Amino acid sequence: MHVKDLASPTDKDSQVAVGQGVIDFPALFRTLIEIGYRQGYVIDNANLLKIPGYTLVNLNIHYAPPAGDGWLSRMSFYASVQNLFDRTYAGSASVIADSLNAGTGIPNGAAALQAVTGSIYAGTPRTVYAGVKARF
């Protein structure tokens, strides 16, 4: 059994792959665990309303039968679970424009902005993929 730890660098948008652990059983199966973190961000121009950050865990398992002459040796099988712990999170949001008080000209506060319609999209719930690959 081989265990590898892969680290991805931080990009400018603060979307980081915190770590990816690969557990490799030679000639049997490979398991990949991904842990991804997204920092919270503001959704209005005055930085009054904030979407919270979140961490997601994904699991991937791959199996390739040992090499041989039969048809099974040309097949590989995989399964993936995205958002393993079924975390609820805001996947994206549109920017909400700030407004001014008509009487005073002072910017309205967060309470006024919360009443404005905007778009906040839910992140993907737990999702399972599975399949078979064949080599010809």
N, C-alpha and C. Protein backbone atom coordinates (compact mmCIF):
# COMPACT_ATOMS: atom_id res chain seq x y z
N MET A 1 0.85 -1.18 0.00
CA MET A 1 0.00 0.00 0.00
C MET A 1 0.89 1.23 0.00
N HIS A 2 0.56 2.21 -0.83
CA HIS A 2 1.27 3.48 -0.89
C HIS A 2 0.30 4.59 -0.51
N VAL A 3 0.74 5.50 0.32
CA VAL A 3 -0.09 6.65 0.67
C VAL A 3 0.66 7.90 0.23
N LYS A 4 -0.01 8.75 -0.53
CA LYS A 4 0.60 9.98 -1.02
C LYS A 4 -0.23 11.16 -0.55
N ASP A 5 0.41 12.26 -0.26
CA ASP A 5 -0.29 13.49 0.10
C ASP A 5 0.10 14.55 -0.92
N LEU A 6 -0.89 15.08 -1.61
CA LEU A 6 -0.64 16.09 -2.63
C LEU A 6 -1.21 17.40 -2.16
N ALA A 7 -0.47 18.46 -2.29
CA ALA A 7 -0.95 19.78 -1.88
C ALA A 7 -1.00 20.69 -3.10
N SER A 8 -2.07 21.45 -3.21
CA SER A 8 -2.22 22.40 -4.30
C SER A 8 -1.96 23.80 -3.79
N PRO A 9 -1.30 24.65 -4.59
CA PRO A 9 -1.03 26.02 -4.13
C PRO A 9 -2.31 26.85 -4.06
N THR A 10 -2.27 27.89 -3.25
CA THR A 10 -3.39 28.80 -3.12
C THR A 10 -3.46 29.67 -4.37
N ASP A 11 -4.65 29.82 -4.94
CA ASP A 11 -4.77 30.73 -6.07
C ASP A 11 -5.32 32.07 -5.59
N LYS A 12 -5.36 33.05 -6.48
CA LYS A 12 -5.73 34.40 -6.07
C LYS A 12 -7.18 34.54 -5.64
N ASP A 13 -8.06 33.58 -5.98
CA ASP A 13 -9.47 33.66 -5.60
C ASP A 13 -9.76 32.93 -4.30
N SER A 14 -8.76 32.50 -3.60
CA SER A 14 -8.89 31.80 -2.31
C SER A 14 -9.66 30.50 -2.42
N GLN A 15 -9.66 29.90 -3.58
CA GLN A 15 -10.26 28.58 -3.73
C GLN A 15 -9.10 27.60 -3.70
N VAL A 16 -9.03 26.82 -2.65
CA VAL A 16 -7.84 26.02 -2.39
C VAL A 16 -8.21 24.55 -2.31
N ALA A 17 -7.40 23.72 -2.92
CA ALA A 17 -7.50 22.29 -2.67
C ALA A 17 -6.59 22.06 -1.46
N VAL A 18 -7.17 21.93 -0.28
CA VAL A 18 -6.40 21.85 0.95
C VAL A 18 -5.48 20.66 0.93
N GLY A 19 -5.95 19.55 0.46
CA GLY A 19 -5.10 18.37 0.36
C GLY A 19 -5.82 17.27 -0.38
N GLN A 20 -5.05 16.46 -1.01
CA GLN A 20 -5.61 15.32 -1.69
C GLN A 20 -4.79 14.12 -1.25
N GLY A 21 -5.40 13.19 -0.59
CA GLY A 21 -4.68 12.00 -0.16
C GLY A 21 -4.99 10.86 -1.10
N VAL A 22 -3.96 10.26 -1.63
CA VAL A 22 -4.14 9.13 -2.54
C VAL A 22 -3.68 7.88 -1.82
N ILE A 23 -4.57 6.90 -1.73
CA ILE A 23 -4.21 5.60 -1.17
C ILE A 23 -4.20 4.63 -2.34
N ASP A 24 -3.05 4.07 -2.63
CA ASP A 24 -2.86 3.27 -3.82
C ASP A 24 -2.50 1.84 -3.41
N PHE A 25 -3.35 0.87 -3.76
CA PHE A 25 -3.05 -0.54 -3.55
C PHE A 25 -2.66 -1.10 -4.92
N PRO A 26 -1.36 -1.29 -5.15
CA PRO A 26 -0.92 -1.71 -6.48
C PRO A 26 -1.71 -2.91 -7.00
N ALA A 27 -2.13 -2.81 -8.24
CA ALA A 27 -2.85 -3.86 -8.97
C ALA A 27 -4.24 -4.14 -8.42
N LEU A 28 -4.72 -3.38 -7.44
CA LEU A 28 -6.07 -3.59 -6.93
C LEU A 28 -6.95 -2.38 -7.16
N PHE A 29 -6.85 -1.39 -6.29
CA PHE A 29 -7.68 -0.20 -6.47
C PHE A 29 -6.96 1.04 -5.95
N ARG A 30 -7.45 2.18 -6.37
CA ARG A 30 -6.88 3.47 -5.96
C ARG A 30 -8.01 4.30 -5.36
N THR A 31 -7.74 4.95 -4.24
CA THR A 31 -8.72 5.80 -3.57
C THR A 31 -8.14 7.20 -3.46
N LEU A 32 -8.94 8.17 -3.80
CA LEU A 32 -8.52 9.57 -3.72
C LEU A 32 -9.51 10.32 -2.85
N ILE A 33 -9.01 11.00 -1.83
CA ILE A 33 -9.85 11.82 -0.96
C ILE A 33 -9.45 13.27 -1.19
N GLU A 34 -10.41 14.09 -1.60
CA GLU A 34 -10.16 15.51 -1.85
C GLU A 34 -10.84 16.33 -0.77
N ILE A 35 -10.13 17.30 -0.24
CA ILE A 35 -10.70 18.24 0.72
C ILE A 35 -10.51 19.63 0.12
N GLY A 36 -11.61 20.30 -0.19
CA GLY A 36 -11.54 21.62 -0.81
C GLY A 36 -12.16 22.67 0.08
N TYR A 37 -11.52 23.82 0.19
CA TYR A 37 -12.01 24.92 1.01
C TYR A 37 -12.24 26.14 0.13
N ARG A 38 -13.35 26.81 0.33
CA ARG A 38 -13.65 28.07 -0.36
C ARG A 38 -13.90 29.12 0.71
N GLN A 39 -13.12 30.17 0.70
CA GLN A 39 -13.26 31.25 1.68
C GLN A 39 -14.55 32.02 1.44
N GLY A 40 -15.15 32.56 2.50
CA GLY A 40 -16.35 33.38 2.36
C GLY A 40 -16.05 34.62 1.54
N TYR A 41 -17.10 35.23 0.99
CA TYR A 41 -16.92 36.42 0.16
C TYR A 41 -18.13 37.32 0.28
N VAL A 42 -17.93 38.59 0.00
CA VAL A 42 -19.01 39.57 0.11
C VAL A 42 -19.78 39.63 -1.21
N ILE A 43 -21.07 40.00 -1.12
CA ILE A 43 -21.89 40.03 -2.33
C ILE A 43 -22.50 41.41 -2.59
N ASP A 44 -21.98 42.43 -1.91
CA ASP A 44 -22.44 43.80 -2.22
C ASP A 44 -21.23 44.71 -2.29
N ASN A 45 -21.41 45.85 -2.92
CA ASN A 45 -20.28 46.75 -3.15
C ASN A 45 -19.72 47.39 -1.88
N ALA A 46 -20.52 47.50 -0.84
CA ALA A 46 -20.06 48.12 0.41
C ALA A 46 -19.51 47.09 1.40
N ASN A 47 -19.44 45.84 1.00
CA ASN A 47 -18.93 44.75 1.85
C ASN A 47 -19.72 44.59 3.14
N LEU A 48 -21.05 44.67 3.05
CA LEU A 48 -21.91 44.52 4.22
C LEU A 48 -22.51 43.12 4.33
N LEU A 49 -22.75 42.46 3.21
CA LEU A 49 -23.35 41.13 3.21
C LEU A 49 -22.32 40.10 2.77
N LYS A 50 -22.21 39.03 3.53
CA LYS A 50 -21.16 38.04 3.26
C LYS A 50 -21.74 36.64 3.14
N ILE A 51 -21.25 35.90 2.15
CA ILE A 51 -21.56 34.48 2.00
C ILE A 51 -20.50 33.73 2.80
N PRO A 52 -20.88 32.80 3.68
CA PRO A 52 -19.88 32.10 4.49
C PRO A 52 -19.04 31.13 3.67
N GLY A 53 -17.84 30.86 4.15
CA GLY A 53 -16.96 29.88 3.52
C GLY A 53 -17.45 28.46 3.80
N TYR A 54 -16.87 27.51 3.11
CA TYR A 54 -17.26 26.11 3.31
C TYR A 54 -16.11 25.18 2.93
N THR A 55 -16.19 23.96 3.44
CA THR A 55 -15.23 22.91 3.12
C THR A 55 -16.01 21.72 2.59
N LEU A 56 -15.55 21.15 1.48
CA LEU A 56 -16.19 19.97 0.90
C LEU A 56 -15.20 18.82 0.86
N VAL A 57 -15.73 17.60 1.02
CA VAL A 57 -14.92 16.40 0.93
C VAL A 57 -15.49 15.53 -0.19
N ASN A 58 -14.60 15.08 -1.08
CA ASN A 58 -14.99 14.20 -2.19
C ASN A 58 -14.20 12.90 -2.07
N LEU A 59 -14.79 11.82 -2.53
CA LEU A 59 -14.15 10.50 -2.47
C LEU A 59 -14.22 9.86 -3.85
N ASN A 60 -13.10 9.36 -4.34
CA ASN A 60 -13.03 8.66 -5.63
C ASN A 60 -12.36 7.31 -5.43
N ILE A 61 -12.95 6.28 -6.01
CA ILE A 61 -12.39 4.93 -5.94
C ILE A 61 -12.31 4.38 -7.36
N HIS A 62 -11.15 3.83 -7.71
CA HIS A 62 -10.94 3.24 -9.03
C HIS A 62 -10.42 1.82 -8.86
N TYR A 63 -10.90 0.90 -9.68
CA TYR A 63 -10.44 -0.49 -9.64
C TYR A 63 -10.10 -0.94 -11.05
N ALA A 64 -8.92 -1.48 -11.21
CA ALA A 64 -8.51 -2.04 -12.49
C ALA A 64 -8.03 -3.47 -12.23
N PRO A 65 -8.71 -4.46 -12.81
CA PRO A 65 -8.28 -5.85 -12.61
C PRO A 65 -6.85 -6.06 -13.10
N PRO A 66 -6.18 -7.07 -12.58
CA PRO A 66 -4.80 -7.34 -13.01
C PRO A 66 -4.72 -7.60 -14.52
N ALA A 67 -3.58 -7.28 -15.10
CA ALA A 67 -3.37 -7.49 -16.54
C ALA A 67 -3.46 -8.97 -16.87
N GLY A 68 -3.99 -9.25 -18.04
CA GLY A 68 -4.14 -10.63 -18.48
C GLY A 68 -4.63 -10.66 -19.91
N ASP A 69 -5.03 -11.83 -20.36
CA ASP A 69 -5.49 -11.97 -21.74
C ASP A 69 -7.00 -11.83 -21.88
N GLY A 70 -7.75 -11.96 -20.81
CA GLY A 70 -9.21 -11.94 -20.89
C GLY A 70 -9.77 -10.54 -21.07
N TRP A 71 -11.06 -10.49 -21.39
CA TRP A 71 -11.74 -9.21 -21.60
C TRP A 71 -11.80 -8.37 -20.33
N LEU A 72 -11.85 -9.03 -19.16
CA LEU A 72 -11.94 -8.31 -17.89
C LEU A 72 -10.69 -7.46 -17.64
N SER A 73 -9.54 -7.90 -18.14
CA SER A 73 -8.31 -7.13 -17.92
C SER A 73 -8.32 -5.82 -18.69
N ARG A 74 -9.22 -5.67 -19.66
CA ARG A 74 -9.32 -4.42 -20.43
C ARG A 74 -10.36 -3.47 -19.85
N MET A 75 -10.93 -3.83 -18.72
CA MET A 75 -11.97 -3.02 -18.09
C MET A 75 -11.40 -2.32 -16.85
N SER A 76 -11.98 -1.20 -16.51
CA SER A 76 -11.69 -0.55 -15.22
C SER A 76 -13.01 0.02 -14.70
N PHE A 77 -13.14 0.07 -13.41
CA PHE A 77 -14.38 0.48 -12.75
C PHE A 77 -14.08 1.66 -11.83
N TYR A 78 -15.04 2.56 -11.71
CA TYR A 78 -14.82 3.72 -10.85
C TYR A 78 -16.13 4.14 -10.18
N ALA A 79 -15.98 4.80 -9.05
CA ALA A 79 -17.11 5.41 -8.33
C ALA A 79 -16.59 6.68 -7.68
N SER A 80 -17.45 7.68 -7.63
CA SER A 80 -17.07 8.97 -7.05
C SER A 80 -18.25 9.51 -6.26
N VAL A 81 -17.97 10.02 -5.09
CA VAL A 81 -18.98 10.69 -4.27
C VAL A 81 -18.50 12.12 -4.07
N GLN A 82 -19.24 13.07 -4.65
CA GLN A 82 -18.92 14.48 -4.49
C GLN A 82 -19.76 15.03 -3.34
N ASN A 83 -19.18 15.90 -2.51
CA ASN A 83 -19.84 16.44 -1.33
C ASN A 83 -20.26 15.27 -0.41
N LEU A 84 -19.27 14.50 -0.03
CA LEU A 84 -19.47 13.26 0.73
C LEU A 84 -20.37 13.42 1.96
N PHE A 85 -20.23 14.52 2.70
CA PHE A 85 -21.01 14.72 3.92
C PHE A 85 -22.28 15.53 3.69
N ASP A 86 -22.66 15.72 2.42
CA ASP A 86 -23.90 16.40 2.04
C ASP A 86 -24.02 17.78 2.69
N ARG A 87 -22.97 18.53 2.62
CA ARG A 87 -22.90 19.88 3.20
C ARG A 87 -23.77 20.85 2.39
N THR A 88 -24.56 21.66 3.06
CA THR A 88 -25.35 22.70 2.40
C THR A 88 -24.50 23.97 2.36
N TYR A 89 -24.38 24.55 1.17
CA TYR A 89 -23.54 25.73 1.01
C TYR A 89 -24.04 26.57 -0.16
N ALA A 90 -23.63 27.82 -0.19
CA ALA A 90 -23.96 28.71 -1.31
C ALA A 90 -22.88 28.51 -2.38
N GLY A 91 -23.28 27.95 -3.51
CA GLY A 91 -22.32 27.68 -4.57
C GLY A 91 -21.87 28.93 -5.28
N SER A 92 -22.77 29.88 -5.45
CA SER A 92 -22.42 31.17 -6.06
C SER A 92 -23.53 32.17 -5.76
N ALA A 93 -23.23 33.43 -6.01
CA ALA A 93 -24.20 34.50 -5.77
C ALA A 93 -23.88 35.67 -6.68
N SER A 94 -24.92 36.39 -7.06
CA SER A 94 -24.70 37.60 -7.86
C SER A 94 -24.48 38.79 -6.92
N VAL A 95 -23.77 39.77 -7.41
CA VAL A 95 -23.48 40.96 -6.61
C VAL A 95 -24.76 41.79 -6.48
N ILE A 96 -25.01 42.29 -5.26
CA ILE A 96 -26.16 43.14 -4.99
C ILE A 96 -25.68 44.59 -4.97
N ALA A 97 -26.29 45.43 -5.77
CA ALA A 97 -25.89 46.84 -5.83
C ALA A 97 -26.36 47.56 -4.57
N ASP A 98 -25.50 48.39 -4.04
CA ASP A 98 -25.85 49.17 -2.86
C ASP A 98 -26.80 50.30 -3.26
N SER A 99 -27.51 50.84 -2.28
CA SER A 99 -28.45 51.93 -2.55
C SER A 99 -28.23 53.05 -1.55
N LEU A 100 -28.73 54.22 -1.91
CA LEU A 100 -28.62 55.39 -1.04
C LEU A 100 -29.99 55.76 -0.50
N ASN A 101 -29.99 56.28 0.71
CA ASN A 101 -31.22 56.80 1.30
C ASN A 101 -31.63 58.05 0.52
N ALA A 102 -32.86 58.07 0.00
CA ALA A 102 -33.32 59.18 -0.84
C ALA A 102 -33.34 60.51 -0.10
N GLY A 103 -33.58 60.49 1.20
CA GLY A 103 -33.67 61.73 1.96
C GLY A 103 -32.32 62.28 2.39
N THR A 104 -31.40 61.41 2.75
CA THR A 104 -30.12 61.87 3.31
C THR A 104 -28.94 61.68 2.36
N GLY A 105 -29.07 60.79 1.40
CA GLY A 105 -27.94 60.51 0.50
C GLY A 105 -26.91 59.59 1.11
N ILE A 106 -27.17 59.10 2.32
CA ILE A 106 -26.25 58.19 3.00
C ILE A 106 -26.54 56.76 2.53
N PRO A 107 -25.50 55.94 2.35
CA PRO A 107 -25.73 54.55 1.93
C PRO A 107 -26.62 53.80 2.93
N ASN A 108 -27.54 53.01 2.40
CA ASN A 108 -28.39 52.18 3.25
C ASN A 108 -27.54 51.07 3.85
N GLY A 109 -27.94 50.60 5.02
CA GLY A 109 -27.19 49.56 5.73
C GLY A 109 -27.54 48.16 5.26
N ALA A 110 -26.99 47.19 5.95
CA ALA A 110 -27.18 45.78 5.60
C ALA A 110 -28.64 45.37 5.67
N ALA A 111 -29.41 45.93 6.61
CA ALA A 111 -30.83 45.56 6.75
C ALA A 111 -31.60 45.91 5.47
N ALA A 112 -31.31 47.06 4.88
CA ALA A 112 -31.99 47.44 3.63
C ALA A 112 -31.55 46.54 2.48
N LEU A 113 -30.28 46.15 2.46
CA LEU A 113 -29.77 45.29 1.39
C LEU A 113 -30.36 43.88 1.46
N GLN A 114 -30.65 43.40 2.67
CA GLN A 114 -31.21 42.06 2.83
C GLN A 114 -32.61 41.96 2.24
N ALA A 115 -33.28 43.08 2.08
CA ALA A 115 -34.62 43.08 1.51
C ALA A 115 -34.60 43.16 -0.02
N VAL A 116 -33.43 43.41 -0.60
CA VAL A 116 -33.28 43.51 -2.06
C VAL A 116 -33.20 42.11 -2.66
N THR A 117 -33.83 41.97 -3.82
CA THR A 117 -33.77 40.66 -4.47
C THR A 117 -32.40 40.46 -5.10
N GLY A 118 -31.86 39.30 -4.91
CA GLY A 118 -30.58 38.92 -5.51
C GLY A 118 -30.62 37.45 -5.84
N SER A 119 -29.55 36.96 -6.34
CA SER A 119 -29.49 35.55 -6.71
C SER A 119 -28.41 34.84 -5.90
N ILE A 120 -28.83 33.89 -5.10
CA ILE A 120 -27.90 33.02 -4.38
C ILE A 120 -28.24 31.60 -4.80
N TYR A 121 -27.24 30.90 -5.32
CA TYR A 121 -27.47 29.56 -5.85
C TYR A 121 -26.90 28.51 -4.89
N ALA A 122 -27.72 27.52 -4.61
CA ALA A 122 -27.29 26.45 -3.71
C ALA A 122 -26.20 25.62 -4.38
N GLY A 123 -25.27 25.15 -3.57
CA GLY A 123 -24.22 24.27 -4.08
C GLY A 123 -24.78 22.88 -4.36
N THR A 124 -24.02 22.09 -5.06
CA THR A 124 -24.44 20.74 -5.42
C THR A 124 -24.53 19.85 -4.19
N PRO A 125 -25.64 19.14 -4.00
CA PRO A 125 -25.74 18.22 -2.86
C PRO A 125 -24.88 16.98 -3.12
N ARG A 126 -24.92 16.03 -2.19
CA ARG A 126 -24.16 14.80 -2.38
C ARG A 126 -24.54 14.18 -3.72
N THR A 127 -23.54 13.84 -4.50
CA THR A 127 -23.77 13.28 -5.83
C THR A 127 -22.87 12.07 -6.01
N VAL A 128 -23.43 10.98 -6.53
CA VAL A 128 -22.68 9.75 -6.73
C VAL A 128 -22.60 9.43 -8.22
N TYR A 129 -21.39 9.17 -8.68
CA TYR A 129 -21.16 8.76 -10.06
C TYR A 129 -20.49 7.39 -10.02
N ALA A 130 -20.82 6.55 -10.95
CA ALA A 130 -20.15 5.24 -11.08
C ALA A 130 -20.13 4.87 -12.54
N GLY A 131 -19.13 4.10 -12.93
CA GLY A 131 -19.07 3.71 -14.32
C GLY A 131 -18.02 2.65 -14.59
N VAL A 132 -17.97 2.31 -15.86
CA VAL A 132 -17.03 1.30 -16.36
C VAL A 132 -16.32 1.88 -17.57
N LYS A 133 -15.02 1.67 -17.65
CA LYS A 133 -14.24 2.07 -18.81
C LYS A 133 -13.70 0.80 -19.46
N ALA A 134 -13.70 0.80 -20.79
CA ALA A 134 -13.17 -0.37 -21.51
C ALA A 134 -12.10 0.10 -22.49
N ARG A 135 -11.03 -0.68 -22.59
CA ARG A 135 -9.97 -0.41 -23.57
C ARG A 135 -10.11 -1.43 -24.69
N PHE A 136 -10.02 -0.95 -25.92
CA PHE A 136 -10.13 -1.84 -27.08
C PHE A 136 -8.83 -1.90 -27.81
